[in-house]
Amino acid sequence: MLPTHTPTFKSYCEPAVERAEWWRTLAGFLLIAGLYGAIFAGLGWMTLKIGEAIELGFGYRLLFEVVTFSSKRAVLIGLFSVVLILPALWLVMRFLHKRPFSTLLSPHRKIHWKAYFLPALLLVVLYMVVEIPWIIRGDTRQQLSLSEWLPWMVPALILLFLQTATEELVFRGYLMQQLAARFHSRWVWMVIPSLLFGAIHYAPQQYGENTWLVMAAAALTGFVLADITARFGNLSIAMGLHFGNNLIAIFVVSSPGYMSALSLFLDSSNVKDIDATRLSLLLSMGLTLSAYLIYLLVMRARR
């Protein structure tokens, strides 16, 4: 059964109630998107100018790397680009909604680290249990040696934490809180953020005919994370699952091509291969759900 306004979820959404008008939420989301776009464009322009000042053509080569995620540094820059949303979100929270940024996290205004790390660890373990037979069979090959891979992991993990946290703060934090404070129906405050989360994964140049499948899988993942947030009344578990999923998909086992330059292993699939991508997405969703269900059972057993 889908969650509704439970006491914990009501407590989570309480800070949004005072300024929950639909126009204010719409304006806030558009401002976040617009401010992020302006910051991103400004940094892109600076990168181009500085790169061209260093060496003719270097700025354009760097921009091409970032757009195609075709190098190790481009993957990190791509993660950092998502983090640029945070200042825009802070400004909207501070001046449009006049409430603390930390109210997006939980009623206690902080991350519950145990609730963050346990689901993330469960998901990583489940992924590796499934992937190890593929690695042994040779369907998944090692792309980087540990000596090549490990030095990148300190900045990579920091940026991954910030990237996944940013997306959760916007979709399961800001949008979900604001909509739930205004509309009682879960089909509004669960579905709309999930569909928008799916929409940001629109990338036909990378995914080809699989683009709509990828968007649908992202929207379904968003729906699961919304369910988790509603049941527990904070973002920590959703943030942890999101981190664990992206950790595996970007830095441990990737499909060749899109954002795969920093992956330790590469599988034998192609992101534009419909059948292979469908199987990969179904596996990812199944493991995410499994990690969540195991976590629920663990928490219930502790009560």
C-alpha atoms as a PDB file:
ATOM      1  CA  MET A   1       0.000   0.000   0.000  1.00  0.00           C
ATOM      2  CA  LEU A   2       1.335   3.430  -0.911  1.00  0.00           C
ATOM      3  CA  PRO A   3       2.106   5.790   1.968  1.00  0.00           C
ATOM      4  CA  THR A   4      -0.063   8.785   2.698  1.00  0.00           C
ATOM      5  CA  HIS A   5       0.396  11.591   5.208  1.00  0.00           C
ATOM      6  CA  THR A   6       1.756   9.537   8.106  1.00  0.00           C
ATOM      7  CA  PRO A   7       2.793  11.405  11.286  1.00  0.00           C
ATOM      8  CA  THR A   8       6.479  11.169  10.338  1.00  0.00           C
ATOM      9  CA  PHE A   9       5.822  12.443   6.830  1.00  0.00           C
ATOM     10  CA  LYS A  10       3.639  15.272   8.143  1.00  0.00           C
ATOM     11  CA  SER A  11       6.481  16.273  10.435  1.00  0.00           C
ATOM     12  CA  TYR A  12       8.881  16.194   7.488  1.00  0.00           C
ATOM     13  CA  CYS A  13       6.620  18.425   5.371  1.00  0.00           C
ATOM     14  CA  GLU A  14       5.619  20.804   8.167  1.00  0.00           C
ATOM     15  CA  PRO A  15       8.246  23.491   7.351  1.00  0.00           C
ATOM     16  CA  ALA A  16       6.775  23.815   3.848  1.00  0.00           C
ATOM     17  CA  VAL A  17       3.166  24.410   4.934  1.00  0.00           C
ATOM     18  CA  GLU A  18       3.380  28.153   5.541  1.00  0.00           C
ATOM     19  CA  ARG A  19       4.420  28.947   1.944  1.00  0.00           C
ATOM     20  CA  ALA A  20       3.029  26.020  -0.050  1.00  0.00           C
ATOM     21  CA  GLU A  21       1.048  27.935  -2.708  1.00  0.00           C
ATOM     22  CA  TRP A  22       1.231  26.148  -6.068  1.00  0.00           C
ATOM     23  CA  TRP A  23       2.505  29.251  -7.843  1.00  0.00           C
ATOM     24  CA  ARG A  24       5.294  29.646  -5.297  1.00  0.00           C
ATOM     25  CA  THR A  25       6.438  26.037  -5.784  1.00  0.00           C
ATOM     26  CA  LEU A  26       6.294  26.389  -9.580  1.00  0.00           C
ATOM     27  CA  ALA A  27       8.192  29.674  -9.413  1.00  0.00           C
ATOM     28  CA  GLY A  28      10.756  28.094  -7.102  1.00  0.00           C
ATOM     29  CA  PHE A  29      11.365  25.142  -9.419  1.00  0.00           C
ATOM     30  CA  LEU A  30      11.671  27.411 -12.459  1.00  0.00           C
ATOM     31  CA  LEU A  31      14.039  29.715 -10.569  1.00  0.00           C
ATOM     32  CA  ILE A  32      16.188  26.755  -9.527  1.00  0.00           C
ATOM     33  CA  ALA A  33      16.347  25.573 -13.147  1.00  0.00           C
ATOM     34  CA  GLY A  34      17.000  29.087 -14.464  1.00  0.00           C
ATOM     35  CA  LEU A  35      19.667  29.984 -11.909  1.00  0.00           C
ATOM     36  CA  TYR A  36      21.369  26.645 -12.416  1.00  0.00           C
ATOM     37  CA  GLY A  37      21.328  27.163 -16.183  1.00  0.00           C
ATOM     38  CA  ALA A  38      22.842  30.626 -15.803  1.00  0.00           C
ATOM     39  CA  ILE A  39      25.582  29.403 -13.444  1.00  0.00           C
ATOM     40  CA  PHE A  40      26.336  26.421 -15.690  1.00  0.00           C
ATOM     41  CA  ALA A  41      26.468  28.587 -18.821  1.00  0.00           C
ATOM     42  CA  GLY A  42      28.690  31.128 -17.084  1.00  0.00           C
ATOM     43  CA  LEU A  43      31.180  28.477 -15.973  1.00  0.00           C
ATOM     44  CA  GLY A  44      31.113  26.928 -19.440  1.00  0.00           C
ATOM     45  CA  TRP A  45      31.945  30.311 -20.972  1.00  0.00           C
ATOM     46  CA  MET A  46      34.763  30.840 -18.459  1.00  0.00           C
ATOM     47  CA  THR A  47      36.134  27.361 -19.168  1.00  0.00           C
ATOM     48  CA  LEU A  48      36.157  28.067 -22.889  1.00  0.00           C
ATOM     49  CA  LYS A  49      37.875  31.444 -22.510  1.00  0.00           C
ATOM     50  CA  ILE A  50      40.484  30.243 -20.014  1.00  0.00           C
ATOM     51  CA  GLY A  51      41.175  27.103 -22.046  1.00  0.00           C
ATOM     52  CA  GLU A  52      41.621  29.075 -25.246  1.00  0.00           C
ATOM     53  CA  ALA A  53      43.941  31.510 -23.436  1.00  0.00           C
ATOM     54  CA  ILE A  54      46.117  28.589 -22.343  1.00  0.00           C
ATOM     55  CA  GLU A  55      46.248  26.950 -25.765  1.00  0.00           C
ATOM     56  CA  LEU A  56      44.341  27.531 -28.990  1.00  0.00           C
ATOM     57  CA  GLY A  57      41.659  24.842 -29.277  1.00  0.00           C
ATOM     58  CA  PHE A  58      42.105  23.544 -25.710  1.00  0.00           C
ATOM     59  CA  GLY A  59      38.915  25.222 -24.439  1.00  0.00           C
ATOM     60  CA  TYR A  60      36.815  23.657 -27.209  1.00  0.00           C
ATOM     61  CA  ARG A  61      38.389  20.234 -26.633  1.00  0.00           C
ATOM     62  CA  LEU A  62      37.618  20.462 -22.924  1.00  0.00           C
ATOM     63  CA  LEU A  63      33.985  21.425 -23.581  1.00  0.00           C
ATOM     64  CA  PHE A  64      33.640  18.496 -26.000  1.00  0.00           C
ATOM     65  CA  GLU A  65      35.037  16.151 -23.351  1.00  0.00           C
ATOM     66  CA  VAL A  66      32.521  17.399 -20.801  1.00  0.00           C
ATOM     67  CA  VAL A  67      29.551  17.156 -23.157  1.00  0.00           C
ATOM     68  CA  THR A  68      30.450  13.597 -24.161  1.00  0.00           C
ATOM     69  CA  PHE A  69      31.899  12.512 -20.763  1.00  0.00           C
ATOM     70  CA  SER A  70      34.763  10.974 -22.727  1.00  0.00           C
ATOM     71  CA  SER A  71      37.568  11.372 -20.167  1.00  0.00           C
ATOM     72  CA  LYS A  72      38.199  10.807 -16.459  1.00  0.00           C
ATOM     73  CA  ARG A  73      38.221  14.512 -15.647  1.00  0.00           C
ATOM     74  CA  ALA A  74      35.039  15.000 -17.688  1.00  0.00           C
ATOM     75  CA  VAL A  75      33.183  12.492 -15.480  1.00  0.00           C
ATOM     76  CA  LEU A  76      34.182  14.478 -12.384  1.00  0.00           C
ATOM     77  CA  ILE A  77      33.255  17.765 -14.058  1.00  0.00           C
ATOM     78  CA  GLY A  78      29.908  16.244 -15.014  1.00  0.00           C
ATOM     79  CA  LEU A  79      29.199  15.333 -11.383  1.00  0.00           C
ATOM     80  CA  PHE A  80      30.308  18.781 -10.239  1.00  0.00           C
ATOM     81  CA  SER A  81      27.963  20.428 -12.744  1.00  0.00           C
ATOM     82  CA  VAL A  82      24.960  18.903 -10.925  1.00  0.00           C
ATOM     83  CA  VAL A  83      26.232  20.313  -7.617  1.00  0.00           C
ATOM     84  CA  LEU A  84      25.855  23.808  -9.119  1.00  0.00           C
ATOM     85  CA  ILE A  85      22.134  23.426  -8.395  1.00  0.00           C
ATOM     86  CA  LEU A  86      22.786  23.779  -4.651  1.00  0.00           C
ATOM     87  CA  PRO A  87      23.354  27.564  -4.563  1.00  0.00           C
ATOM     88  CA  ALA A  88      20.203  28.079  -6.641  1.00  0.00           C
ATOM     89  CA  LEU A  89      18.206  25.827  -4.315  1.00  0.00           C
ATOM     90  CA  TRP A  90      19.575  27.638  -1.250  1.00  0.00           C
ATOM     91  CA  LEU A  91      18.558  31.026  -2.669  1.00  0.00           C
ATOM     92  CA  VAL A  92      15.021  29.823  -3.419  1.00  0.00           C
ATOM     93  CA  MET A  93      14.666  28.332   0.062  1.00  0.00           C
ATOM     94  CA  ARG A  94      16.055  31.441   1.748  1.00  0.00           C
ATOM     95  CA  PHE A  95      14.246  34.191  -0.123  1.00  0.00           C
ATOM     96  CA  LEU A  96      11.138  32.639  -1.726  1.00  0.00           C
ATOM     97  CA  HIS A  97      10.105  30.176   0.986  1.00  0.00           C
ATOM     98  CA  LYS A  98      11.908  31.838   3.899  1.00  0.00           C
ATOM     99  CA  ARG A  99      12.870  28.629   5.630  1.00  0.00           C
ATOM    100  CA  PRO A 100      16.205  26.967   6.448  1.00  0.00           C
ATOM    101  CA  PHE A 101      17.847  24.836   3.764  1.00  0.00           C
ATOM    102  CA  SER A 102      18.385  22.067   6.346  1.00  0.00           C
ATOM    103  CA  THR A 103      14.600  21.487   6.629  1.00  0.00           C
ATOM    104  CA  LEU A 104      14.851  19.588   3.339  1.00  0.00           C
ATOM    105  CA  LEU A 105      16.790  16.794   5.081  1.00  0.00           C
ATOM    106  CA  SER A 106      14.590  15.707   7.995  1.00  0.00           C
ATOM    107  CA  PRO A 107      12.518  17.093  10.866  1.00  0.00           C
ATOM    108  CA  HIS A 108      15.780  17.133  12.849  1.00  0.00           C
ATOM    109  CA  ARG A 109      17.464  19.077  10.019  1.00  0.00           C
ATOM    110  CA  LYS A 110      20.346  16.639   9.580  1.00  0.00           C
ATOM    111  CA  ILE A 111      21.353  13.473   7.755  1.00  0.00           C
ATOM    112  CA  HIS A 112      20.832  10.224   9.672  1.00  0.00           C
ATOM    113  CA  TRP A 113      24.172   8.638   8.768  1.00  0.00           C
ATOM    114  CA  LYS A 114      23.329   5.084   9.820  1.00  0.00           C
ATOM    115  CA  ALA A 115      20.151   5.237   7.712  1.00  0.00           C
ATOM    116  CA  TYR A 116      22.298   6.596   4.855  1.00  0.00           C
ATOM    117  CA  PHE A 117      25.176   4.129   4.873  1.00  0.00           C
ATOM    118  CA  LEU A 118      23.372   0.849   5.629  1.00  0.00           C
ATOM    119  CA  PRO A 119      21.101   0.848   2.524  1.00  0.00           C
ATOM    120  CA  ALA A 120      24.015   2.100   0.377  1.00  0.00           C
ATOM    121  CA  LEU A 121      26.230  -0.740   1.632  1.00  0.00           C
ATOM    122  CA  LEU A 122      23.486  -3.335   1.133  1.00  0.00           C
ATOM    123  CA  LEU A 123      22.962  -2.180  -2.444  1.00  0.00           C
ATOM    124  CA  VAL A 124      26.696  -2.283  -3.255  1.00  0.00           C
ATOM    125  CA  VAL A 125      27.016  -5.795  -1.783  1.00  0.00           C
ATOM    126  CA  LEU A 126      24.000  -7.044  -3.767  1.00  0.00           C
ATOM    127  CA  TYR A 127      25.402  -5.551  -6.980  1.00  0.00           C
ATOM    128  CA  MET A 128      28.785  -7.194  -6.458  1.00  0.00           C
ATOM    129  CA  VAL A 129      27.245 -10.600  -5.665  1.00  0.00           C
ATOM    130  CA  VAL A 130      25.403 -10.410  -8.983  1.00  0.00           C
ATOM    131  CA  GLU A 131      28.367  -9.056 -10.954  1.00  0.00           C
ATOM    132  CA  ILE A 132      31.104 -11.407  -9.702  1.00  0.00           C
ATOM    133  CA  PRO A 133      29.939 -14.383 -11.861  1.00  0.00           C
ATOM    134  CA  TRP A 134      29.939 -12.105 -14.934  1.00  0.00           C
ATOM    135  CA  ILE A 135      33.478 -10.964 -14.117  1.00  0.00           C
ATOM    136  CA  ILE A 136      34.647 -14.581 -13.669  1.00  0.00           C
ATOM    137  CA  ARG A 137      33.042 -15.608 -16.986  1.00  0.00           C
ATOM    138  CA  GLY A 138      34.732 -12.732 -18.779  1.00  0.00           C
ATOM    139  CA  ASP A 139      31.514 -10.923 -19.789  1.00  0.00           C
ATOM    140  CA  THR A 140      32.758  -8.025 -17.671  1.00  0.00           C
ATOM    141  CA  ARG A 141      36.365  -6.938 -18.203  1.00  0.00           C
ATOM    142  CA  GLN A 142      38.624  -4.787 -16.072  1.00  0.00           C
ATOM    143  CA  GLN A 143      39.207  -1.377 -17.656  1.00  0.00           C
ATOM    144  CA  LEU A 144      41.520   0.230 -15.073  1.00  0.00           C
ATOM    145  CA  SER A 145      44.071  -1.210 -12.695  1.00  0.00           C
ATOM    146  CA  LEU A 146      43.615  -0.429  -9.017  1.00  0.00           C
ATOM    147  CA  SER A 147      46.650   1.868  -9.162  1.00  0.00           C
ATOM    148  CA  GLU A 148      44.966   3.827 -11.978  1.00  0.00           C
ATOM    149  CA  TRP A 149      41.535   3.828 -10.358  1.00  0.00           C
ATOM    150  CA  LEU A 150      42.120   4.469  -6.652  1.00  0.00           C
ATOM    151  CA  PRO A 151      43.750   7.947  -6.903  1.00  0.00           C
ATOM    152  CA  TRP A 152      40.587   9.267  -8.550  1.00  0.00           C
ATOM    153  CA  MET A 153      38.272   7.884  -5.885  1.00  0.00           C
ATOM    154  CA  VAL A 154      38.754  10.564  -3.199  1.00  0.00           C
ATOM    155  CA  PRO A 155      37.442  13.460  -5.347  1.00  0.00           C
ATOM    156  CA  ALA A 156      35.048  11.070  -7.098  1.00  0.00           C
ATOM    157  CA  LEU A 157      33.330   9.931  -3.896  1.00  0.00           C
ATOM    158  CA  ILE A 158      33.044  13.474  -2.557  1.00  0.00           C
ATOM    159  CA  LEU A 159      31.482  14.698  -5.806  1.00  0.00           C
ATOM    160  CA  LEU A 160      29.241  11.621  -6.021  1.00  0.00           C
ATOM    161  CA  PHE A 161      27.925  12.275  -2.517  1.00  0.00           C
ATOM    162  CA  LEU A 162      27.194  15.893  -3.433  1.00  0.00           C
ATOM    163  CA  GLN A 163      25.664  14.991  -6.828  1.00  0.00           C
ATOM    164  CA  THR A 164      23.261  12.361  -5.471  1.00  0.00           C
ATOM    165  CA  ALA A 165      22.422  14.500  -2.434  1.00  0.00           C
ATOM    166  CA  THR A 166      21.646  17.462  -4.700  1.00  0.00           C
ATOM    167  CA  GLU A 167      19.198  15.473  -6.809  1.00  0.00           C
ATOM    168  CA  GLU A 168      17.470  14.110  -3.716  1.00  0.00           C
ATOM    169  CA  LEU A 169      17.259  17.570  -2.143  1.00  0.00           C
ATOM    170  CA  VAL A 170      15.512  18.898  -5.256  1.00  0.00           C
ATOM    171  CA  PHE A 171      13.141  16.036  -6.129  1.00  0.00           C
ATOM    172  CA  ARG A 172      12.407  14.142  -2.891  1.00  0.00           C
ATOM    173  CA  GLY A 173      13.168  17.166  -0.739  1.00  0.00           C
ATOM    174  CA  TYR A 174      12.011  20.478  -2.181  1.00  0.00           C
ATOM    175  CA  LEU A 175       9.390  19.344  -4.721  1.00  0.00           C
ATOM    176  CA  MET A 176       7.942  16.531  -2.647  1.00  0.00           C
ATOM    177  CA  GLN A 177       7.682  18.618   0.527  1.00  0.00           C
ATOM    178  CA  GLN A 178       6.123  21.579  -1.243  1.00  0.00           C
ATOM    179  CA  LEU A 179       3.580  19.500  -3.161  1.00  0.00           C
ATOM    180  CA  ALA A 180       2.667  17.347  -0.145  1.00  0.00           C
ATOM    181  CA  ALA A 181       2.131  20.484   1.938  1.00  0.00           C
ATOM    182  CA  ARG A 182      -0.316  21.777  -0.694  1.00  0.00           C
ATOM    183  CA  PHE A 183      -1.961  18.572  -2.043  1.00  0.00           C
ATOM    184  CA  HIS A 184      -3.116  15.574   0.002  1.00  0.00           C
ATOM    185  CA  SER A 185      -3.147  13.131  -2.934  1.00  0.00           C
ATOM    186  CA  ARG A 186       0.004  11.029  -3.120  1.00  0.00           C
ATOM    187  CA  TRP A 187      -0.489  10.864  -6.898  1.00  0.00           C
ATOM    188  CA  VAL A 188       0.532  14.520  -6.983  1.00  0.00           C
ATOM    189  CA  TRP A 189       3.451  14.644  -4.564  1.00  0.00           C
ATOM    190  CA  MET A 190       4.879  11.239  -5.517  1.00  0.00           C
ATOM    191  CA  VAL A 191       4.252  11.116  -9.268  1.00  0.00           C
ATOM    192  CA  ILE A 192       5.120  14.668 -10.395  1.00  0.00           C
ATOM    193  CA  PRO A 193       8.654  14.715  -8.864  1.00  0.00           C
ATOM    194  CA  SER A 194       9.238  11.183 -10.172  1.00  0.00           C
ATOM    195  CA  LEU A 195       8.239  12.112 -13.727  1.00  0.00           C
ATOM    196  CA  LEU A 196      10.442  15.197 -13.621  1.00  0.00           C
ATOM    197  CA  PHE A 197      13.295  13.046 -12.290  1.00  0.00           C
ATOM    198  CA  GLY A 198      12.819  10.761 -15.271  1.00  0.00           C
ATOM    199  CA  ALA A 199      12.717  13.735 -17.646  1.00  0.00           C
ATOM    200  CA  ILE A 200      16.189  14.971 -16.636  1.00  0.00           C
ATOM    201  CA  HIS A 201      17.604  11.670 -17.918  1.00  0.00           C
ATOM    202  CA  TYR A 202      16.569  12.519 -21.480  1.00  0.00           C
ATOM    203  CA  ALA A 203      19.782  11.976 -23.472  1.00  0.00           C
ATOM    204  CA  PRO A 204      19.101  10.567 -26.972  1.00  0.00           C
ATOM    205  CA  GLN A 205      22.666  11.190 -28.121  1.00  0.00           C
ATOM    206  CA  GLN A 206      23.928   8.819 -25.433  1.00  0.00           C
ATOM    207  CA  TYR A 207      21.099   6.278 -25.227  1.00  0.00           C
ATOM    208  CA  GLY A 208      19.654   6.268 -28.741  1.00  0.00           C
ATOM    209  CA  GLU A 209      16.393   4.315 -28.968  1.00  0.00           C
ATOM    210  CA  ASN A 210      16.756   3.394 -25.306  1.00  0.00           C
ATOM    211  CA  THR A 211      16.238   6.987 -24.170  1.00  0.00           C
ATOM    212  CA  TRP A 212      12.577   6.527 -23.242  1.00  0.00           C
ATOM    213  CA  LEU A 213      13.369   3.252 -21.494  1.00  0.00           C
ATOM    214  CA  VAL A 214      16.077   4.954 -19.454  1.00  0.00           C
ATOM    215  CA  MET A 215      13.693   7.801 -18.575  1.00  0.00           C
ATOM    216  CA  ALA A 216      10.981   5.327 -17.531  1.00  0.00           C
ATOM    217  CA  ALA A 217      13.449   3.429 -15.330  1.00  0.00           C
ATOM    218  CA  ALA A 218      14.628   6.690 -13.733  1.00  0.00           C
ATOM    219  CA  ALA A 219      11.021   7.750 -13.092  1.00  0.00           C
ATOM    220  CA  LEU A 220      10.270   4.375 -11.484  1.00  0.00           C
ATOM    221  CA  THR A 221      13.398   4.703  -9.343  1.00  0.00           C
ATOM    222  CA  GLY A 222      12.222   8.181  -8.350  1.00  0.00           C
ATOM    223  CA  PHE A 223       8.862   6.715  -7.359  1.00  0.00           C
ATOM    224  CA  VAL A 224      10.579   4.112  -5.148  1.00  0.00           C
ATOM    225  CA  LEU A 225      12.731   6.796  -3.508  1.00  0.00           C
ATOM    226  CA  ALA A 226       9.618   8.932  -2.964  1.00  0.00           C
ATOM    227  CA  ASP A 227       7.925   5.966  -1.278  1.00  0.00           C
ATOM    228  CA  ILE A 228      10.949   5.538   0.988  1.00  0.00           C
ATOM    229  CA  THR A 229      11.005   9.230   1.903  1.00  0.00           C
ATOM    230  CA  ALA A 230       7.282   9.253   2.659  1.00  0.00           C
ATOM    231  CA  ARG A 231       7.476   6.167   4.870  1.00  0.00           C
ATOM    232  CA  PHE A 232      10.451   7.331   6.933  1.00  0.00           C
ATOM    233  CA  GLY A 233       9.917  11.099   6.897  1.00  0.00           C
ATOM    234  CA  ASN A 234      13.492  12.005   5.929  1.00  0.00           C
ATOM    235  CA  LEU A 235      15.844  11.916   2.952  1.00  0.00           C
ATOM    236  CA  SER A 236      18.651   9.809   4.402  1.00  0.00           C
ATOM    237  CA  ILE A 237      17.666   6.367   3.081  1.00  0.00           C
ATOM    238  CA  ALA A 238      16.837   7.671  -0.393  1.00  0.00           C
ATOM    239  CA  MET A 239      20.147   9.544  -0.483  1.00  0.00           C
ATOM    240  CA  GLY A 240      22.031   6.400   0.533  1.00  0.00           C
ATOM    241  CA  LEU A 241      20.364   4.200  -2.084  1.00  0.00           C
ATOM    242  CA  HIS A 242      20.945   6.837  -4.760  1.00  0.00           C
ATOM    243  CA  PHE A 243      24.621   7.057  -3.779  1.00  0.00           C
ATOM    244  CA  GLY A 244      25.070   3.266  -3.817  1.00  0.00           C
ATOM    245  CA  ASN A 245      23.384   2.914  -7.202  1.00  0.00           C
ATOM    246  CA  ASN A 246      25.468   5.645  -8.843  1.00  0.00           C
ATOM    247  CA  LEU A 247      28.666   4.397  -7.208  1.00  0.00           C
ATOM    248  CA  ILE A 248      28.287   1.034  -8.932  1.00  0.00           C
ATOM    249  CA  ALA A 249      26.959   2.411 -12.225  1.00  0.00           C
ATOM    250  CA  ILE A 250      29.626   5.104 -12.686  1.00  0.00           C
ATOM    251  CA  PHE A 251      32.735   3.896 -10.866  1.00  0.00           C
ATOM    252  CA  VAL A 252      32.563   0.100 -10.571  1.00  0.00           C
ATOM    253  CA  VAL A 253      30.747  -1.537 -13.506  1.00  0.00           C
ATOM    254  CA  SER A 254      29.647   0.590 -16.483  1.00  0.00           C
ATOM    255  CA  SER A 255      28.566   0.034 -20.047  1.00  0.00           C
ATOM    256  CA  PRO A 256      31.160   1.227 -22.579  1.00  0.00           C
ATOM    257  CA  GLY A 257      30.711   4.833 -23.651  1.00  0.00           C
ATOM    258  CA  TYR A 258      28.599   7.208 -21.592  1.00  0.00           C
ATOM    259  CA  MET A 259      30.330   8.243 -18.323  1.00  0.00           C
ATOM    260  CA  SER A 260      32.417   5.062 -18.289  1.00  0.00           C
ATOM    261  CA  ALA A 261      35.930   6.558 -18.262  1.00  0.00           C
ATOM    262  CA  LEU A 262      36.347   6.124 -14.482  1.00  0.00           C
ATOM    263  CA  SER A 263      34.703   2.715 -14.175  1.00  0.00           C
ATOM    264  CA  LEU A 264      36.878  -0.077 -12.799  1.00  0.00           C
ATOM    265  CA  PHE A 265      35.078  -2.637 -14.984  1.00  0.00           C
ATOM    266  CA  LEU A 266      33.198  -2.479 -18.286  1.00  0.00           C
ATOM    267  CA  ASP A 267      30.474  -4.918 -19.222  1.00  0.00           C
ATOM    268  CA  SER A 268      29.994  -6.266 -22.726  1.00  0.00           C
ATOM    269  CA  SER A 269      26.763  -4.360 -23.423  1.00  0.00           C
ATOM    270  CA  ASN A 270      26.108  -1.188 -25.378  1.00  0.00           C
ATOM    271  CA  VAL A 271      23.860   1.562 -23.944  1.00  0.00           C
ATOM    272  CA  LYS A 272      22.157   1.779 -27.351  1.00  0.00           C
ATOM    273  CA  ASP A 273      21.422  -1.962 -27.439  1.00  0.00           C
ATOM    274  CA  ILE A 274      17.738  -2.218 -26.501  1.00  0.00           C
ATOM    275  CA  ASP A 275      17.708  -5.753 -25.084  1.00  0.00           C
ATOM    276  CA  ALA A 276      20.963  -5.365 -23.122  1.00  0.00           C
ATOM    277  CA  THR A 277      19.914  -2.017 -21.664  1.00  0.00           C
ATOM    278  CA  ARG A 278      16.485  -3.331 -20.722  1.00  0.00           C
ATOM    279  CA  LEU A 279      18.087  -6.230 -18.851  1.00  0.00           C
ATOM    280  CA  SER A 280      20.561  -3.908 -17.138  1.00  0.00           C
ATOM    281  CA  LEU A 281      17.838  -1.483 -16.052  1.00  0.00           C
ATOM    282  CA  LEU A 282      15.601  -4.271 -14.758  1.00  0.00           C
ATOM    283  CA  LEU A 283      18.540  -5.689 -12.813  1.00  0.00           C
ATOM    284  CA  SER A 284      19.334  -2.274 -11.345  1.00  0.00           C
ATOM    285  CA  MET A 285      15.737  -1.725 -10.277  1.00  0.00           C
ATOM    286  CA  GLY A 286      15.485  -5.224  -8.829  1.00  0.00           C
ATOM    287  CA  LEU A 287      18.618  -4.780  -6.751  1.00  0.00           C
ATOM    288  CA  THR A 288      17.519  -1.357  -5.494  1.00  0.00           C
ATOM    289  CA  LEU A 289      14.174  -2.804  -4.418  1.00  0.00           C
ATOM    290  CA  SER A 290      15.925  -5.781  -2.820  1.00  0.00           C
ATOM    291  CA  ALA A 291      18.248  -3.542  -0.813  1.00  0.00           C
ATOM    292  CA  TYR A 292      15.257  -1.495   0.343  1.00  0.00           C
ATOM    293  CA  LEU A 293      13.222  -4.558   1.344  1.00  0.00           C
ATOM    294  CA  ILE A 294      16.181  -6.065   3.236  1.00  0.00           C
ATOM    295  CA  TYR A 295      16.648  -2.757   5.032  1.00  0.00           C
ATOM    296  CA  LEU A 296      12.953  -2.721   6.009  1.00  0.00           C
ATOM    297  CA  LEU A 297      13.236  -6.257   7.376  1.00  0.00           C
ATOM    298  CA  VAL A 298      16.394  -5.383   9.332  1.00  0.00           C
ATOM    299  CA  MET A 299      14.758  -2.299  10.837  1.00  0.00           C
ATOM    300  CA  ARG A 300      11.586  -4.225  11.707  1.00  0.00           C
ATOM    301  CA  ALA A 301      13.619  -6.974  13.411  1.00  0.00           C
ATOM    302  CA  ARG A 302      15.342  -4.354  15.586  1.00  0.00           C
ATOM    303  CA  ARG A 303      12.067  -2.958  16.893  1.00  0.00           C
END
